[in-house]
Amino acid sequence: MKELVEVVAKALVDNPDEVVVTERTEGRSTIIELHVAASDMGKVIGKQGRIAKAIRAVVKAASTKDNKRVDVEIV
């Protein structure tokens, strides 16, 4: 899942070198944190959060295939 978020984020931003994705596990769920440059934050979130919702939906769909719960946080 981490690689999926990283590929999508790098395609969206102007500074792909500054994209950092970390993954941590808390109990039965996995949290993926996405760090981008401050100037690219709007591109990752999108108008009214539409792009962020789309990223979360894609990750959720991919994670249900593996019977896992994965949350995406944009930091």
PDB file of N, CA and C in Angstrom:
ATOM      1  N   MET A   1       0.807  -1.191   0.000  1.00  0.00           N
ATOM      2  CA  MET A   1       0.000   0.000   0.000  1.00  0.00           C
ATOM      3  C   MET A   1       0.859   1.268   0.000  1.00  0.00           C
ATOM      4  N   LYS A   2       1.976   1.178   0.706  1.00  0.00           N
ATOM      5  CA  LYS A   2       2.868   2.327   0.801  1.00  0.00           C
ATOM      6  C   LYS A   2       3.341   2.757  -0.584  1.00  0.00           C
ATOM      7  N   GLU A   3       3.691   1.792  -1.415  1.00  0.00           N
ATOM      8  CA  GLU A   3       4.172   2.097  -2.758  1.00  0.00           C
ATOM      9  C   GLU A   3       3.078   2.720  -3.615  1.00  0.00           C
ATOM     10  N   LEU A   4       1.847   2.250  -3.433  1.00  0.00           N
ATOM     11  CA  LEU A   4       0.709   2.788  -4.181  1.00  0.00           C
ATOM     12  C   LEU A   4       0.518   4.267  -3.881  1.00  0.00           C
ATOM     13  N   VAL A   5       0.527   4.630  -2.614  1.00  0.00           N
ATOM     14  CA  VAL A   5       0.357   6.033  -2.215  1.00  0.00           C
ATOM     15  C   VAL A   5       1.520   6.868  -2.734  1.00  0.00           C
ATOM     16  N   GLU A   6       2.717   6.322  -2.680  1.00  0.00           N
ATOM     17  CA  GLU A   6       3.891   7.059  -3.136  1.00  0.00           C
ATOM     18  C   GLU A   6       3.831   7.340  -4.638  1.00  0.00           C
ATOM     19  N   VAL A   7       3.440   6.378  -5.428  1.00  0.00           N
ATOM     20  CA  VAL A   7       3.353   6.563  -6.881  1.00  0.00           C
ATOM     21  C   VAL A   7       2.293   7.604  -7.229  1.00  0.00           C
ATOM     22  N   VAL A   8       1.138   7.515  -6.591  1.00  0.00           N
ATOM     23  CA  VAL A   8       0.056   8.471  -6.871  1.00  0.00           C
ATOM     24  C   VAL A   8       0.474   9.880  -6.467  1.00  0.00           C
ATOM     25  N   ALA A   9       1.071  10.022  -5.286  1.00  0.00           N
ATOM     26  CA  ALA A   9       1.467  11.342  -4.801  1.00  0.00           C
ATOM     27  C   ALA A   9       2.547  11.964  -5.683  1.00  0.00           C
ATOM     28  N   LYS A  10       3.524  11.171  -6.088  1.00  0.00           N
ATOM     29  CA  LYS A  10       4.592  11.710  -6.932  1.00  0.00           C
ATOM     30  C   LYS A  10       4.074  12.163  -8.282  1.00  0.00           C
ATOM     31  N   ALA A  11       3.012  11.539  -8.764  1.00  0.00           N
ATOM     32  CA  ALA A  11       2.431  11.947 -10.043  1.00  0.00           C
ATOM     33  C   ALA A  11       1.676  13.270  -9.923  1.00  0.00           C
ATOM     34  N   LEU A  12       1.229  13.612  -8.735  1.00  0.00           N
ATOM     35  CA  LEU A  12       0.425  14.815  -8.541  1.00  0.00           C
ATOM     36  C   LEU A  12       1.234  16.079  -8.271  1.00  0.00           C
ATOM     37  N   VAL A  13       2.379  15.952  -7.629  1.00  0.00           N
ATOM     38  CA  VAL A  13       3.096  17.118  -7.117  1.00  0.00           C
ATOM     39  C   VAL A  13       4.139  17.657  -8.091  1.00  0.00           C
ATOM     40  N   ASP A  14       4.598  18.892  -7.805  1.00  0.00           N
ATOM     41  CA  ASP A  14       5.662  19.506  -8.599  1.00  0.00           C
ATOM     42  C   ASP A  14       7.042  19.090  -8.102  1.00  0.00           C
ATOM     43  N   ASN A  15       7.141  18.732  -6.819  1.00  0.00           N
ATOM     44  CA  ASN A  15       8.422  18.343  -6.213  1.00  0.00           C
ATOM     45  C   ASN A  15       8.363  16.882  -5.773  1.00  0.00           C
ATOM     46  N   PRO A  16       8.474  15.933  -6.691  1.00  0.00           N
ATOM     47  CA  PRO A  16       8.352  14.520  -6.308  1.00  0.00           C
ATOM     48  C   PRO A  16       9.475  14.035  -5.396  1.00  0.00           C
ATOM     49  N   ASP A  17      10.607  14.762  -5.361  1.00  0.00           N
ATOM     50  CA  ASP A  17      11.699  14.361  -4.483  1.00  0.00           C
ATOM     51  C   ASP A  17      11.368  14.570  -3.011  1.00  0.00           C
ATOM     52  N   GLU A  18      10.403  15.444  -2.730  1.00  0.00           N
ATOM     53  CA  GLU A  18      10.053  15.759  -1.347  1.00  0.00           C
ATOM     54  C   GLU A  18       8.888  14.920  -0.814  1.00  0.00           C
ATOM     55  N   VAL A  19       8.420  13.974  -1.601  1.00  0.00           N
ATOM     56  CA  VAL A  19       7.340  13.090  -1.146  1.00  0.00           C
ATOM     57  C   VAL A  19       7.938  12.004  -0.263  1.00  0.00           C
ATOM     58  N   VAL A  20       7.411  11.909   0.967  1.00  0.00           N
ATOM     59  CA  VAL A  20       7.863  10.885   1.907  1.00  0.00           C
ATOM     60  C   VAL A  20       6.628  10.149   2.421  1.00  0.00           C
ATOM     61  N   VAL A  21       6.651   8.834   2.305  1.00  0.00           N
ATOM     62  CA  VAL A  21       5.529   8.010   2.765  1.00  0.00           C
ATOM     63  C   VAL A  21       6.053   7.064   3.843  1.00  0.00           C
ATOM     64  N   THR A  22       5.401   7.116   5.002  1.00  0.00           N
ATOM     65  CA  THR A  22       5.769   6.213   6.088  1.00  0.00           C
ATOM     66  C   THR A  22       4.563   5.354   6.446  1.00  0.00           C
ATOM     67  N   GLU A  23       4.849   4.201   6.994  1.00  0.00           N
ATOM     68  CA  GLU A  23       3.797   3.241   7.314  1.00  0.00           C
ATOM     69  C   GLU A  23       3.989   2.761   8.746  1.00  0.00           C
ATOM     70  N   ARG A  24       2.921   2.801   9.532  1.00  0.00           N
ATOM     71  CA  ARG A  24       3.007   2.281  10.888  1.00  0.00           C
ATOM     72  C   ARG A  24       1.768   1.455  11.186  1.00  0.00           C
ATOM     73  N   THR A  25       1.948   0.485  12.073  1.00  0.00           N
ATOM     74  CA  THR A  25       0.852  -0.415  12.403  1.00  0.00           C
ATOM     75  C   THR A  25       0.401  -0.157  13.828  1.00  0.00           C
ATOM     76  N   GLU A  26      -0.904  -0.036  14.002  1.00  0.00           N
ATOM     77  CA  GLU A  26      -1.505   0.135  15.317  1.00  0.00           C
ATOM     78  C   GLU A  26      -2.600  -0.904  15.456  1.00  0.00           C
ATOM     79  N   GLY A  27      -2.309  -1.947  16.181  1.00  0.00           N
ATOM     80  CA  GLY A  27      -3.294  -3.017  16.344  1.00  0.00           C
ATOM     81  C   GLY A  27      -3.522  -3.730  15.025  1.00  0.00           C
ATOM     82  N   ARG A  28      -4.792  -3.781  14.608  1.00  0.00           N
ATOM     83  CA  ARG A  28      -5.128  -4.465  13.354  1.00  0.00           C
ATOM     84  C   ARG A  28      -5.127  -3.531  12.149  1.00  0.00           C
ATOM     85  N   SER A  29      -4.908  -2.234  12.383  1.00  0.00           N
ATOM     86  CA  SER A  29      -4.949  -1.300  11.265  1.00  0.00           C
ATOM     87  C   SER A  29      -3.556  -0.752  10.963  1.00  0.00           C
ATOM     88  N   THR A  30      -3.394  -0.332   9.736  1.00  0.00           N
ATOM     89  CA  THR A  30      -2.148   0.256   9.270  1.00  0.00           C
ATOM     90  C   THR A  30      -2.418   1.702   8.894  1.00  0.00           C
ATOM     91  N   ILE A  31      -1.543   2.591   9.321  1.00  0.00           N
ATOM     92  CA  ILE A  31      -1.688   4.008   9.005  1.00  0.00           C
ATOM     93  C   ILE A  31      -0.549   4.406   8.081  1.00  0.00           C
ATOM     94  N   ILE A  32      -0.899   4.978   6.951  1.00  0.00           N
ATOM     95  CA  ILE A  32       0.087   5.455   5.984  1.00  0.00           C
ATOM     96  C   ILE A  32       0.082   6.976   6.054  1.00  0.00           C
ATOM     97  N   GLU A  33       1.256   7.544   6.366  1.00  0.00           N
ATOM     98  CA  GLU A  33       1.395   8.995   6.451  1.00  0.00           C
ATOM     99  C   GLU A  33       2.073   9.510   5.193  1.00  0.00           C
ATOM    100  N   LEU A  34       1.474  10.519   4.599  1.00  0.00           N
ATOM    101  CA  LEU A  34       1.996  11.121   3.371  1.00  0.00           C
ATOM    102  C   LEU A  34       2.489  12.520   3.693  1.00  0.00           C
ATOM    103  N   HIS A  35       3.785  12.754   3.477  1.00  0.00           N
ATOM    104  CA  HIS A  35       4.389  14.064   3.699  1.00  0.00           C
ATOM    105  C   HIS A  35       4.777  14.636   2.342  1.00  0.00           C
ATOM    106  N   VAL A  36       4.333  15.861   2.054  1.00  0.00           N
ATOM    107  CA  VAL A  36       4.695  16.540   0.801  1.00  0.00           C
ATOM    108  C   VAL A  36       5.172  17.948   1.140  1.00  0.00           C
ATOM    109  N   ALA A  37       5.755  18.610   0.164  1.00  0.00           N
ATOM    110  CA  ALA A  37       6.195  19.994   0.348  1.00  0.00           C
ATOM    111  C   ALA A  37       4.976  20.877   0.598  1.00  0.00           C
ATOM    112  N   ALA A  38       5.183  21.944   1.333  1.00  0.00           N
ATOM    113  CA  ALA A  38       4.078  22.845   1.673  1.00  0.00           C
ATOM    114  C   ALA A  38       3.421  23.421   0.409  1.00  0.00           C
ATOM    115  N   SER A  39       4.216  23.677  -0.612  1.00  0.00           N
ATOM    116  CA  SER A  39       3.659  24.242  -1.845  1.00  0.00           C
ATOM    117  C   SER A  39       2.809  23.230  -2.615  1.00  0.00           C
ATOM    118  N   ASP A  40       2.993  21.946  -2.356  1.00  0.00           N
ATOM    119  CA  ASP A  40       2.245  20.896  -3.049  1.00  0.00           C
ATOM    120  C   ASP A  40       1.050  20.386  -2.253  1.00  0.00           C
ATOM    121  N   MET A  41       0.844  20.891  -1.062  1.00  0.00           N
ATOM    122  CA  MET A  41      -0.225  20.392  -0.205  1.00  0.00           C
ATOM    123  C   MET A  41      -1.598  20.538  -0.870  1.00  0.00           C
ATOM    124  N   GLY A  42      -1.841  21.648  -1.515  1.00  0.00           N
ATOM    125  CA  GLY A  42      -3.125  21.870  -2.180  1.00  0.00           C
ATOM    126  C   GLY A  42      -3.369  20.914  -3.330  1.00  0.00           C
ATOM    127  N   LYS A  43      -2.313  20.526  -4.014  1.00  0.00           N
ATOM    128  CA  LYS A  43      -2.459  19.597  -5.136  1.00  0.00           C
ATOM    129  C   LYS A  43      -2.818  18.199  -4.664  1.00  0.00           C
ATOM    130  N   VAL A  44      -2.323  17.823  -3.490  1.00  0.00           N
ATOM    131  CA  VAL A  44      -2.607  16.489  -2.955  1.00  0.00           C
ATOM    132  C   VAL A  44      -4.003  16.445  -2.331  1.00  0.00           C
ATOM    133  N   ILE A  45      -4.421  17.555  -1.728  1.00  0.00           N
ATOM    134  CA  ILE A  45      -5.741  17.589  -1.089  1.00  0.00           C
ATOM    135  C   ILE A  45      -6.834  17.853  -2.125  1.00  0.00           C
ATOM    136  N   GLY A  46      -6.614  18.798  -3.015  1.00  0.00           N
ATOM    137  CA  GLY A  46      -7.591  19.102  -4.056  1.00  0.00           C
ATOM    138  C   GLY A  46      -8.720  19.986  -3.547  1.00  0.00           C
ATOM    139  N   LYS A  47      -9.540  20.434  -4.466  1.00  0.00           N
ATOM    140  CA  LYS A  47     -10.678  21.279  -4.090  1.00  0.00           C
ATOM    141  C   LYS A  47     -11.661  20.468  -3.254  1.00  0.00           C
ATOM    142  N   GLN A  48     -11.990  21.004  -2.109  1.00  0.00           N
ATOM    143  CA  GLN A  48     -12.925  20.377  -1.164  1.00  0.00           C
ATOM    144  C   GLN A  48     -12.482  18.962  -0.791  1.00  0.00           C
ATOM    145  N   GLY A  49     -11.183  18.685  -0.894  1.00  0.00           N
ATOM    146  CA  GLY A  49     -10.651  17.399  -0.476  1.00  0.00           C
ATOM    147  C   GLY A  49     -10.939  16.245  -1.408  1.00  0.00           C
ATOM    148  N   ARG A  50     -11.284  16.541  -2.643  1.00  0.00           N
ATOM    149  CA  ARG A  50     -11.672  15.483  -3.581  1.00  0.00           C
ATOM    150  C   ARG A  50     -10.519  14.539  -3.927  1.00  0.00           C
ATOM    151  N   ILE A  51      -9.330  15.068  -4.129  1.00  0.00           N
ATOM    152  CA  ILE A  51      -8.200  14.209  -4.482  1.00  0.00           C
ATOM    153  C   ILE A  51      -7.802  13.353  -3.287  1.00  0.00           C
ATOM    154  N   ALA A  52      -7.815  13.943  -2.090  1.00  0.00           N
ATOM    155  CA  ALA A  52      -7.498  13.184  -0.882  1.00  0.00           C
ATOM    156  C   ALA A  52      -8.504  12.050  -0.682  1.00  0.00           C
ATOM    157  N   LYS A  53      -9.766  12.330  -0.917  1.00  0.00           N
ATOM    158  CA  LYS A  53     -10.808  11.294  -0.806  1.00  0.00           C
ATOM    159  C   LYS A  53     -10.585  10.195  -1.836  1.00  0.00           C
ATOM    160  N   ALA A  54     -10.173  10.577  -3.043  1.00  0.00           N
ATOM    161  CA  ALA A  54      -9.930   9.590  -4.093  1.00  0.00           C
ATOM    162  C   ALA A  54      -8.739   8.702  -3.751  1.00  0.00           C
ATOM    163  N   ILE A  55      -7.683   9.288  -3.205  1.00  0.00           N
ATOM    164  CA  ILE A  55      -6.518   8.492  -2.790  1.00  0.00           C
ATOM    165  C   ILE A  55      -6.932   7.505  -1.711  1.00  0.00           C
ATOM    166  N   ARG A  56      -7.698   7.989  -0.740  1.00  0.00           N
ATOM    167  CA  ARG A  56      -8.149   7.105   0.346  1.00  0.00           C
ATOM    168  C   ARG A  56      -9.051   5.990  -0.181  1.00  0.00           C
ATOM    169  N   ALA A  57      -9.894   6.307  -1.161  1.00  0.00           N
ATOM    170  CA  ALA A  57     -10.799   5.292  -1.720  1.00  0.00           C
ATOM    171  C   ALA A  57     -10.013   4.206  -2.461  1.00  0.00           C
ATOM    172  N   VAL A  58      -9.006   4.598  -3.212  1.00  0.00           N
ATOM    173  CA  VAL A  58      -8.191   3.621  -3.945  1.00  0.00           C
ATOM    174  C   VAL A  58      -7.439   2.719  -2.970  1.00  0.00           C
ATOM    175  N   VAL A  59      -6.869   3.306  -1.928  1.00  0.00           N
ATOM    176  CA  VAL A  59      -6.130   2.522  -0.934  1.00  0.00           C
ATOM    177  C   VAL A  59      -7.080   1.600  -0.179  1.00  0.00           C
ATOM    178  N   LYS A  60      -8.253   2.100   0.139  1.00  0.00           N
ATOM    179  CA  LYS A  60      -9.230   1.261   0.854  1.00  0.00           C
ATOM    180  C   LYS A  60      -9.655   0.080  -0.010  1.00  0.00           C
ATOM    181  N   ALA A  61      -9.881   0.320  -1.286  1.00  0.00           N
ATOM    182  CA  ALA A  61     -10.271  -0.763  -2.187  1.00  0.00           C
ATOM    183  C   ALA A  61      -9.157  -1.796  -2.308  1.00  0.00           C
ATOM    184  N   ALA A  62      -7.924  -1.341  -2.400  1.00  0.00           N
ATOM    185  CA  ALA A  62      -6.798  -2.266  -2.503  1.00  0.00           C
ATOM    186  C   ALA A  62      -6.575  -3.023  -1.198  1.00  0.00           C
ATOM    187  N   SER A  63      -6.863  -2.388  -0.071  1.00  0.00           N
ATOM    188  CA  SER A  63      -6.617  -3.044   1.215  1.00  0.00           C
ATOM    189  C   SER A  63      -7.702  -4.061   1.565  1.00  0.00           C
ATOM    190  N   THR A  64      -8.913  -3.868   1.097  1.00  0.00           N
ATOM    191  CA  THR A  64      -9.961  -4.840   1.389  1.00  0.00           C
ATOM    192  C   THR A  64      -9.696  -6.157   0.667  1.00  0.00           C
ATOM    193  N   LYS A  65      -8.954  -6.093  -0.399  1.00  0.00           N
ATOM    194  CA  LYS A  65      -8.562  -7.301  -1.106  1.00  0.00           C
ATOM    195  C   LYS A  65      -7.705  -8.197  -0.207  1.00  0.00           C
ATOM    196  N   ASP A  66      -6.897  -7.567   0.661  1.00  0.00           N
ATOM    197  CA  ASP A  66      -6.026  -8.301   1.575  1.00  0.00           C
ATOM    198  C   ASP A  66      -6.642  -8.454   2.964  1.00  0.00           C
ATOM    199  N   ASN A  67      -7.899  -8.077   3.130  1.00  0.00           N
ATOM    200  CA  ASN A  67      -8.589  -8.117   4.426  1.00  0.00           C
ATOM    201  C   ASN A  67      -7.831  -7.333   5.491  1.00  0.00           C
ATOM    202  N   LYS A  68      -7.376  -6.133   5.135  1.00  0.00           N
ATOM    203  CA  LYS A  68      -6.679  -5.260   6.059  1.00  0.00           C
ATOM    204  C   LYS A  68      -7.379  -3.920   6.107  1.00  0.00           C
ATOM    205  N   ARG A  69      -7.164  -3.187   7.190  1.00  0.00           N
ATOM    206  CA  ARG A  69      -7.698  -1.837   7.307  1.00  0.00           C
ATOM    207  C   ARG A  69      -6.526  -0.875   7.189  1.00  0.00           C
ATOM    208  N   VAL A  70      -6.586   0.012   6.220  1.00  0.00           N
ATOM    209  CA  VAL A  70      -5.509   0.960   5.979  1.00  0.00           C
ATOM    210  C   VAL A  70      -6.099   2.365   5.925  1.00  0.00           C
ATOM    211  N   ASP A  71      -5.512   3.281   6.695  1.00  0.00           N
ATOM    212  CA  ASP A  71      -5.921   4.675   6.695  1.00  0.00           C
ATOM    213  C   ASP A  71      -4.782   5.507   6.120  1.00  0.00           C
ATOM    214  N   VAL A  72      -5.139   6.564   5.383  1.00  0.00           N
ATOM    215  CA  VAL A  72      -4.151   7.458   4.807  1.00  0.00           C
ATOM    216  C   VAL A  72      -4.282   8.819   5.477  1.00  0.00           C
ATOM    217  N   GLU A  73      -3.182   9.306   6.038  1.00  0.00           N
ATOM    218  CA  GLU A  73      -3.139  10.625   6.656  1.00  0.00           C
ATOM    219  C   GLU A  73      -2.195  11.503   5.868  1.00  0.00           C
ATOM    220  N   ILE A  74      -2.650  12.704   5.515  1.00  0.00           N
ATOM    221  CA  ILE A  74      -1.806  13.656   4.809  1.00  0.00           C
ATOM    222  C   ILE A  74      -1.297  14.648   5.841  1.00  0.00           C
ATOM    223  N   VAL A  75       0.023  14.646   6.015  1.00  0.00           N
ATOM    224  CA  VAL A  75       0.624  15.456   7.078  1.00  0.00           C
ATOM    225  C   VAL A  75       1.321  16.664   6.480  1.00  0.00           C
TER     226      VAL A  75
END
